[in-house]
Amino acid sequence: MKISQRAQAITPFLAMEFGKRAAALEAAGHHVVRLNLGEPDFGAPPAVRAELQRIMGSNTPLPYTGALGLPALREAIAGFYQSAHGVCISPERVVVTAGASAALLLLTAALVDPGDEVLVGDPSYPCNRQFLSGFGADVRLVPTDAASRFQLDLAAVQQHWSPLTQGLMIATPSNPTGTSVPPAELTAICDWARAHGAWRIVDEIYLNLSDVDASASGQPAQTALAFDPSACVINSFSKYFGMTGWRLGWAVVPDELVPAMERLAQNYYICAPTPAQMAALACFTPDSIAVCEARRHEFAERRALVLQGLEDIGLPVPVRPDGAFYVYIDVSGTGLDAMRFCERTLEEAHVALTPGDDFGACGAAQHVRLSYAASQDDLREGLARLKRFVATI
């Protein structure tokens, strides 16, 4: 059977690969502390789970929804931007998708032609660049470092811009580093790109897990839509709302892009899962938002625990994260590269981590991602195992 060049070129998603190895160890009777995946241990808010049980226990028919999503859910998402970020958007611009991955799929299909150059920071979430490459984009990875918080800045964008550049993708806060682009810097980047006729995709999946800036509005970090209304913004129910397996996300796009997104969704997957859409309406009640805000504060406590634990071990974190639930650890002092460090911690300490090789090329061999989406008990146990492991090398 002939396998496409596209499929042959795509590299494994190492976070999932290490998850498979962890599962094999667990099947053999070992207890593995899984700190490799960005999957909150809380699950969906109670009201959302109760609503899904009600839906599935009734005789409610569950037909396809429109390709753009349930109107009520699109309105609720638009309302969330108003209540959480003070930004007014039309529900008509909201596209409900089968996870944020589907939002990226649709946007890439709508915006990218073969040969288009797209700027993406390095390190960054691997699936983002895989979608772009799959549609023929020339993905130009822009090296970043601790000085820029492992994020694109205007100087780097200007340095790597070329006449072929058609767009850029930024994730803030970022996976794998948990760092955000300062608002003024993000504004400047978007202004530059817009002035040069390029599209902007801003991945805000972790936006509502950002630190609260008490000196500003008392709200989480501001959406890019506040200063770049024509940007394409991606978000998800997976992280802030803890609904990873529900496969539900959304995009907010300019009005002129909505018809193309609708046609693509109709043809690629028809619609997002109907039960998940119906239940997700319960995400936006005051009780559910209060639950999610309490969890955000819990993540901040977990981060403090992890940072202190890593300091005690002697594993440096070059940039303190300010959102999401990741820390990007420099393991070069151990004498092991990232891949071997992760292989040995899994084999010998039964702690699953993700090597920096998953996220790009710049500094990849010296960095490892740890996810603190696990419970505090698991984090303490994982850190204790890491400490014992590092002491042996």
Protein backbone atom coordinates (compact mmCIF):
# COMPACT_ATOMS: atom_id res chain seq x y z
CA MET A 1 0.00 0.00 0.00
CA LYS A 2 1.32 3.43 -0.91
CA ILE A 3 1.50 5.79 2.05
CA SER A 4 1.26 9.49 1.28
CA GLN A 5 4.32 11.70 1.57
CA ARG A 6 2.32 13.79 4.04
CA ALA A 7 1.83 10.84 6.37
CA GLN A 8 5.41 9.70 6.01
CA ALA A 9 6.76 13.15 6.82
CA ILE A 10 4.79 13.65 10.01
CA THR A 11 6.70 12.92 13.20
CA PRO A 12 5.28 11.18 16.29
CA PHE A 13 3.71 13.29 19.03
CA LEU A 14 6.19 12.39 21.76
CA ALA A 15 3.91 13.34 24.66
CA MET A 16 1.52 10.65 23.47
CA GLU A 17 4.34 8.21 22.73
CA PHE A 18 5.62 8.48 26.29
CA GLY A 19 2.03 8.03 27.42
CA LYS A 20 1.92 4.73 25.54
CA ARG A 21 5.11 3.59 27.25
CA ALA A 22 3.69 4.63 30.60
CA ALA A 23 0.55 2.61 29.92
CA ALA A 24 2.67 -0.45 29.14
CA LEU A 25 4.50 -0.08 32.45
CA GLU A 26 1.18 0.27 34.27
CA ALA A 27 -0.13 -2.85 32.55
CA ALA A 28 2.94 -4.64 33.91
CA GLY A 29 1.98 -3.63 37.44
CA HIS A 30 4.03 -0.46 37.97
CA HIS A 31 2.69 2.81 39.35
CA VAL A 32 3.63 5.58 36.93
CA VAL A 33 3.30 9.25 37.83
CA ARG A 34 2.09 10.81 34.60
CA LEU A 35 3.37 14.34 34.20
CA ASN A 36 3.61 14.17 30.42
CA LEU A 37 0.15 15.28 29.25
CA GLY A 38 -1.71 18.56 29.61
CA GLU A 39 -4.88 16.93 30.88
CA PRO A 40 -6.48 18.46 34.00
CA ASP A 41 -7.34 15.83 36.57
CA PHE A 42 -10.54 17.62 37.62
CA GLY A 43 -12.78 16.75 34.69
CA ALA A 44 -15.75 18.87 33.64
CA PRO A 45 -17.53 21.06 36.21
CA PRO A 46 -20.26 19.19 38.13
CA ALA A 47 -23.10 21.07 36.45
CA VAL A 48 -21.78 20.10 33.01
CA ARG A 49 -21.55 16.42 33.93
CA ALA A 50 -25.05 16.55 35.42
CA GLU A 51 -26.39 18.15 32.26
CA LEU A 52 -24.84 15.44 30.09
CA GLN A 53 -26.41 12.76 32.30
CA ARG A 54 -29.79 14.48 31.96
CA ILE A 55 -29.43 14.70 28.19
CA MET A 56 -28.41 11.09 27.78
CA GLY A 57 -31.09 9.85 30.19
CA SER A 58 -33.89 11.56 28.31
CA ASN A 59 -35.46 10.85 24.96
CA THR A 60 -33.93 14.00 23.52
CA PRO A 61 -32.95 13.39 19.88
CA LEU A 62 -29.32 14.18 19.19
CA PRO A 63 -29.18 15.12 15.51
CA TYR A 64 -26.42 16.96 13.75
CA THR A 65 -26.21 20.61 14.65
CA GLY A 66 -25.34 23.26 12.10
CA ALA A 67 -21.70 23.11 11.04
CA LEU A 68 -20.95 26.32 12.95
CA GLY A 69 -22.43 24.95 16.18
CA LEU A 70 -25.54 25.38 18.30
CA PRO A 71 -26.71 29.02 18.14
CA ALA A 72 -27.17 29.06 21.91
CA LEU A 73 -23.61 27.87 22.47
CA ARG A 74 -22.19 30.42 20.05
CA GLU A 75 -24.08 33.11 21.94
CA ALA A 76 -22.81 31.80 25.27
CA ILE A 77 -19.20 31.84 24.04
CA ALA A 78 -19.61 35.40 22.78
CA GLY A 79 -21.04 36.32 26.17
CA PHE A 80 -18.03 34.77 27.88
CA TYR A 81 -15.72 37.16 26.00
CA GLN A 82 -17.82 40.04 27.32
CA SER A 83 -17.93 38.84 30.93
CA ALA A 84 -14.38 37.51 31.19
CA HIS A 85 -12.51 39.99 28.99
CA GLY A 86 -14.78 42.97 28.39
CA VAL A 87 -14.74 42.37 24.62
CA CYS A 88 -17.93 42.47 22.60
CA ILE A 89 -18.03 40.08 19.66
CA SER A 90 -20.89 38.90 17.48
CA PRO A 91 -21.98 35.27 18.00
CA GLU A 92 -21.95 35.05 14.20
CA ARG A 93 -18.15 35.11 14.33
CA VAL A 94 -17.96 32.10 16.67
CA VAL A 95 -17.32 28.71 15.09
CA VAL A 96 -17.82 25.73 17.43
CA THR A 97 -15.46 22.90 16.54
CA ALA A 98 -14.63 19.31 17.47
CA GLY A 99 -11.85 20.37 19.81
CA ALA A 100 -9.38 23.20 19.27
CA SER A 101 -7.56 20.88 16.87
CA ALA A 102 -10.52 21.07 14.50
CA ALA A 103 -10.49 24.86 14.81
CA LEU A 104 -6.87 24.85 13.71
CA LEU A 105 -7.69 22.39 10.93
CA LEU A 106 -10.40 24.67 9.55
CA LEU A 107 -8.32 27.83 9.85
CA THR A 108 -5.33 26.23 8.17
CA ALA A 109 -7.50 24.91 5.35
CA ALA A 110 -9.11 28.33 4.95
CA LEU A 111 -5.93 30.42 5.01
CA VAL A 112 -2.98 28.37 3.72
CA ASP A 113 -1.99 27.67 0.14
CA PRO A 114 1.00 25.48 -0.74
CA GLY A 115 4.24 27.43 -0.48
CA ASP A 116 2.90 30.07 1.90
CA GLU A 117 5.47 30.94 4.54
CA VAL A 118 4.18 30.99 8.12
CA LEU A 119 6.17 32.13 11.16
CA VAL A 120 5.88 30.00 14.31
CA GLY A 121 7.91 30.31 17.50
CA ASP A 122 10.34 27.57 18.52
CA PRO A 123 9.56 25.91 20.91
CA SER A 124 5.84 25.54 20.30
CA TYR A 125 3.05 22.96 20.33
CA PRO A 126 3.97 20.39 17.64
CA CYS A 127 0.48 19.74 16.24
CA ASN A 128 0.12 23.40 15.26
CA ARG A 129 3.00 23.26 12.81
CA GLN A 130 1.96 19.79 11.62
CA PHE A 131 -1.42 21.15 10.52
CA LEU A 132 0.28 23.99 8.68
CA SER A 133 2.77 21.70 6.98
CA GLY A 134 0.02 19.25 6.07
CA PHE A 135 -1.65 21.93 3.96
CA GLY A 136 1.60 22.80 2.21
CA ALA A 137 2.79 25.74 4.29
CA ASP A 138 6.50 26.46 4.56
CA VAL A 139 6.67 26.64 8.36
CA ARG A 140 9.51 28.89 9.43
CA LEU A 141 10.43 28.11 13.02
CA VAL A 142 11.72 31.25 14.72
CA PRO A 143 14.20 30.50 17.52
CA THR A 144 13.35 31.95 20.91
CA ASP A 145 15.09 31.82 24.27
CA ALA A 146 14.68 32.70 27.92
CA ALA A 147 15.35 36.39 27.20
CA SER A 148 12.11 36.56 25.18
CA ARG A 149 10.30 34.21 27.57
CA PHE A 150 10.48 31.52 24.86
CA GLN A 151 8.00 33.58 22.86
CA LEU A 152 8.02 35.52 19.61
CA ASP A 153 8.71 39.21 19.95
CA LEU A 154 8.48 41.98 17.37
CA ALA A 155 12.23 42.04 16.75
CA ALA A 156 12.27 38.31 15.94
CA VAL A 157 9.22 38.62 13.68
CA GLN A 158 10.80 41.50 11.76
CA GLN A 159 14.12 39.67 11.47
CA HIS A 160 12.54 36.52 10.01
CA TRP A 161 9.87 38.20 7.87
CA SER A 162 10.17 37.75 4.13
CA PRO A 163 8.14 38.64 1.02
CA LEU A 164 6.72 35.09 1.17
CA THR A 165 5.36 35.44 4.70
CA GLN A 166 1.58 35.11 4.65
CA GLY A 167 0.80 34.65 8.34
CA LEU A 168 1.99 33.84 11.81
CA MET A 169 0.82 31.71 14.70
CA ILE A 170 1.32 32.59 18.35
CA ALA A 171 0.22 30.67 21.44
CA THR A 172 -0.12 32.68 24.62
CA PRO A 173 0.17 31.27 27.22
CA SER A 174 2.34 28.71 25.52
CA ASN A 175 2.65 24.98 25.49
CA PRO A 176 5.36 23.84 26.43
CA THR A 177 6.68 26.76 28.47
CA GLY A 178 3.59 28.15 30.21
CA THR A 179 4.78 31.67 29.36
CA SER A 180 2.74 34.52 27.87
CA VAL A 181 3.55 37.24 25.37
CA PRO A 182 3.32 40.63 27.13
CA PRO A 183 0.23 42.48 25.86
CA ALA A 184 2.18 45.39 24.42
CA GLU A 185 4.49 43.02 22.54
CA LEU A 186 1.58 40.97 21.18
CA THR A 187 -0.13 44.16 20.05
CA ALA A 188 3.01 45.26 18.22
CA ILE A 189 3.42 41.88 16.52
CA CYS A 190 -0.20 41.81 15.36
CA ASP A 191 0.00 45.39 14.14
CA TRP A 192 3.12 44.57 12.12
CA ALA A 193 1.58 41.47 10.56
CA ARG A 194 -1.68 43.22 9.74
CA ALA A 195 0.18 46.14 8.16
CA HIS A 196 1.99 43.63 5.94
CA GLY A 197 -1.22 41.92 4.84
CA ALA A 198 -0.61 38.75 6.84
CA TRP A 199 -3.15 36.79 8.87
CA ARG A 200 -2.73 36.14 12.60
CA ILE A 201 -3.76 32.97 14.40
CA VAL A 202 -3.58 33.38 18.17
CA ASP A 203 -3.91 30.17 20.15
CA GLU A 204 -5.57 31.15 23.44
CA ILE A 205 -6.37 27.67 24.73
CA TYR A 206 -4.72 28.48 28.08
CA LEU A 207 -5.77 32.13 28.23
CA ASN A 208 -8.18 31.70 31.13
CA LEU A 209 -5.56 29.81 33.10
CA SER A 210 -3.32 32.90 33.10
CA ASP A 211 -2.28 34.61 36.30
CA VAL A 212 -4.50 37.42 37.46
CA ASP A 213 -2.76 40.77 37.25
CA ALA A 214 -4.03 42.44 40.40
CA SER A 215 -2.62 45.79 39.30
CA ALA A 216 -4.75 45.79 36.15
CA SER A 217 -8.34 44.66 35.71
CA GLY A 218 -8.34 41.74 38.12
CA GLN A 219 -9.19 39.55 35.13
CA PRO A 220 -7.11 36.91 33.33
CA ALA A 221 -4.80 38.02 30.52
CA GLN A 222 -6.60 39.88 27.77
CA THR A 223 -7.64 38.20 24.53
CA ALA A 224 -5.95 39.34 21.34
CA LEU A 225 -9.40 40.33 20.09
CA ALA A 226 -9.23 43.33 22.41
CA PHE A 227 -6.59 45.00 20.22
CA ASP A 228 -6.78 42.99 16.98
CA PRO A 229 -10.45 42.35 16.15
CA SER A 230 -9.56 40.79 12.80
CA ALA A 231 -7.24 38.16 14.30
CA CYS A 232 -8.28 34.51 14.24
CA VAL A 233 -8.44 33.26 17.81
CA ILE A 234 -8.61 29.62 18.91
CA ASN A 235 -9.86 28.36 22.26
CA SER A 236 -11.10 25.15 23.82
CA PHE A 237 -13.25 23.59 26.51
CA SER A 238 -10.39 21.21 27.31
CA LYS A 239 -8.16 23.21 29.65
CA TYR A 240 -10.00 25.88 31.66
CA PHE A 241 -13.20 23.82 31.69
CA GLY A 242 -11.36 20.48 32.04
CA MET A 243 -13.25 18.76 29.20
CA THR A 244 -10.41 17.12 27.26
CA GLY A 245 -12.22 14.00 26.05
CA TRP A 246 -15.39 15.87 25.15
CA ARG A 247 -13.62 17.19 22.02
CA LEU A 248 -15.11 20.64 21.94
CA GLY A 249 -13.47 23.92 21.02
CA TRP A 250 -14.09 27.10 19.09
CA ALA A 251 -12.61 29.79 16.91
CA VAL A 252 -13.50 33.45 16.61
CA VAL A 253 -12.86 34.64 13.06
CA PRO A 254 -13.49 37.75 10.95
CA ASP A 255 -16.93 37.95 9.36
CA GLU A 256 -15.57 37.35 5.86
CA LEU A 257 -14.02 34.05 6.91
CA VAL A 258 -17.19 32.52 8.40
CA PRO A 259 -18.68 31.15 5.12
CA ALA A 260 -15.42 29.37 4.25
CA MET A 261 -15.19 27.91 7.77
CA GLU A 262 -18.77 26.68 7.48
CA ARG A 263 -18.19 24.98 4.13
CA LEU A 264 -15.02 23.32 5.37
CA ALA A 265 -16.67 22.10 8.58
CA GLN A 266 -19.62 20.69 6.63
CA ASN A 267 -17.25 18.65 4.52
CA TYR A 268 -14.57 17.71 7.03
CA TYR A 269 -16.65 16.55 10.02
CA ILE A 270 -20.24 17.90 9.66
CA CYS A 271 -20.42 19.32 13.21
CA ALA A 272 -18.98 19.10 16.69
CA PRO A 273 -20.53 16.40 18.97
CA THR A 274 -24.11 17.37 19.73
CA PRO A 275 -24.27 16.06 23.35
CA ALA A 276 -21.05 17.86 24.24
CA GLN A 277 -22.37 21.10 22.75
CA MET A 278 -25.64 20.86 24.64
CA ALA A 279 -23.97 20.08 27.96
CA ALA A 280 -21.33 22.78 27.47
CA LEU A 281 -23.97 25.46 27.87
CA ALA A 282 -23.71 24.71 31.61
CA CYS A 283 -20.06 25.86 31.54
CA PHE A 284 -21.12 29.48 31.53
CA THR A 285 -23.29 29.53 34.65
CA PRO A 286 -21.96 31.45 37.67
CA ASP A 287 -21.52 28.20 39.60
CA SER A 288 -19.43 26.58 36.87
CA ILE A 289 -17.29 29.67 36.40
CA ALA A 290 -16.68 29.75 40.17
CA VAL A 291 -15.57 26.11 40.05
CA CYS A 292 -13.18 26.84 37.18
CA GLU A 293 -11.76 29.90 38.91
CA ALA A 294 -11.10 27.85 42.05
CA ARG A 295 -9.28 25.32 39.90
CA ARG A 296 -7.18 28.05 38.32
CA HIS A 297 -6.01 29.05 41.78
CA GLU A 298 -5.31 25.38 42.54
CA PHE A 299 -3.06 25.25 39.48
CA ALA A 300 -1.14 28.23 40.86
CA GLU A 301 -0.59 26.31 44.10
CA ARG A 302 0.58 23.27 42.16
CA ARG A 303 2.99 25.42 40.17
CA ALA A 304 4.51 26.80 43.36
CA LEU A 305 4.90 23.25 44.67
CA VAL A 306 6.61 22.11 41.47
CA LEU A 307 8.93 25.10 41.19
CA GLN A 308 10.07 24.67 44.77
CA GLY A 309 10.53 20.94 44.27
CA LEU A 310 12.59 21.42 41.12
CA GLU A 311 14.75 24.01 42.89
CA ASP A 312 15.37 21.52 45.69
CA ILE A 313 16.40 18.90 43.11
CA GLY A 314 18.69 21.34 41.32
CA LEU A 315 16.79 21.34 38.02
CA PRO A 316 16.53 24.96 36.81
CA VAL A 317 13.45 26.49 35.17
CA PRO A 318 14.84 29.31 32.97
CA VAL A 319 11.55 31.23 32.81
CA ARG A 320 8.86 31.09 35.46
CA PRO A 321 5.51 30.28 33.79
CA ASP A 322 2.59 32.64 34.22
CA GLY A 323 -0.20 30.52 32.77
CA ALA A 324 -1.24 27.08 31.53
CA PHE A 325 0.12 24.20 33.67
CA TYR A 326 3.59 23.53 32.34
CA VAL A 327 7.17 24.17 33.38
CA TYR A 328 10.05 23.97 30.92
CA ILE A 329 13.04 22.47 32.71
CA ASP A 330 16.71 22.74 31.73
CA VAL A 331 18.21 19.26 32.20
CA SER A 332 21.59 19.99 30.57
CA GLY A 333 23.29 19.94 33.96
CA THR A 334 22.48 16.26 34.39
CA GLY A 335 24.72 15.22 31.50
CA LEU A 336 21.74 13.69 29.69
CA ASP A 337 19.96 15.06 26.67
CA ALA A 338 16.21 15.59 26.95
CA MET A 339 15.19 12.39 25.20
CA ARG A 340 17.46 10.19 27.27
CA PHE A 341 16.46 12.01 30.46
CA CYS A 342 12.80 11.29 29.77
CA GLU A 343 13.48 7.69 28.78
CA ARG A 344 15.43 7.02 31.96
CA THR A 345 13.02 8.80 34.30
CA LEU A 346 10.22 6.67 32.87
CA GLU A 347 12.19 3.41 32.94
CA GLU A 348 13.94 3.88 36.27
CA ALA A 349 11.78 6.30 38.27
CA HIS A 350 8.40 5.59 36.62
CA VAL A 351 7.76 9.29 36.04
CA ALA A 352 6.46 10.28 32.59
CA LEU A 353 7.69 13.59 31.18
CA THR A 354 7.94 15.02 27.65
CA PRO A 355 11.27 15.81 25.94
CA GLY A 356 11.82 19.17 24.32
CA ASP A 357 12.30 17.37 21.00
CA ASP A 358 8.49 17.40 20.72
CA PHE A 359 8.36 21.18 20.49
CA GLY A 360 10.93 22.20 17.91
CA ALA A 361 14.69 22.36 17.46
CA CYS A 362 15.90 25.40 19.40
CA GLY A 363 17.23 24.18 22.75
CA ALA A 364 15.15 21.04 22.42
CA ALA A 365 17.86 18.65 23.54
CA GLN A 366 18.34 20.44 26.84
CA HIS A 367 14.73 21.02 27.92
CA VAL A 368 11.98 18.81 29.31
CA ARG A 369 8.32 19.70 29.84
CA LEU A 370 6.57 18.81 33.07
CA SER A 371 2.79 19.13 33.30
CA TYR A 372 1.38 19.98 36.71
CA ALA A 373 -2.17 19.14 35.66
CA ALA A 374 -1.89 16.15 38.03
CA SER A 375 -2.94 16.17 41.69
CA GLN A 376 -0.71 17.60 44.39
CA ASP A 377 -0.20 14.10 45.79
CA ASP A 378 1.01 12.86 42.41
CA LEU A 379 3.22 15.91 42.00
CA ARG A 380 4.86 15.35 45.38
CA GLU A 381 5.43 11.69 44.58
CA GLY A 382 6.77 12.51 41.12
CA LEU A 383 9.15 15.14 42.48
CA ALA A 384 10.40 12.74 45.16
CA ARG A 385 11.10 10.11 42.50
CA LEU A 386 12.85 12.67 40.30
CA LYS A 387 15.02 13.76 43.21
CA ARG A 388 16.13 10.19 43.86
CA PHE A 389 16.76 9.63 40.14
CA VAL A 390 18.81 12.79 39.65
CA ALA A 391 20.90 11.89 42.69
CA THR A 392 21.95 8.68 40.95
CA ILE A 393 23.32 10.46 37.87
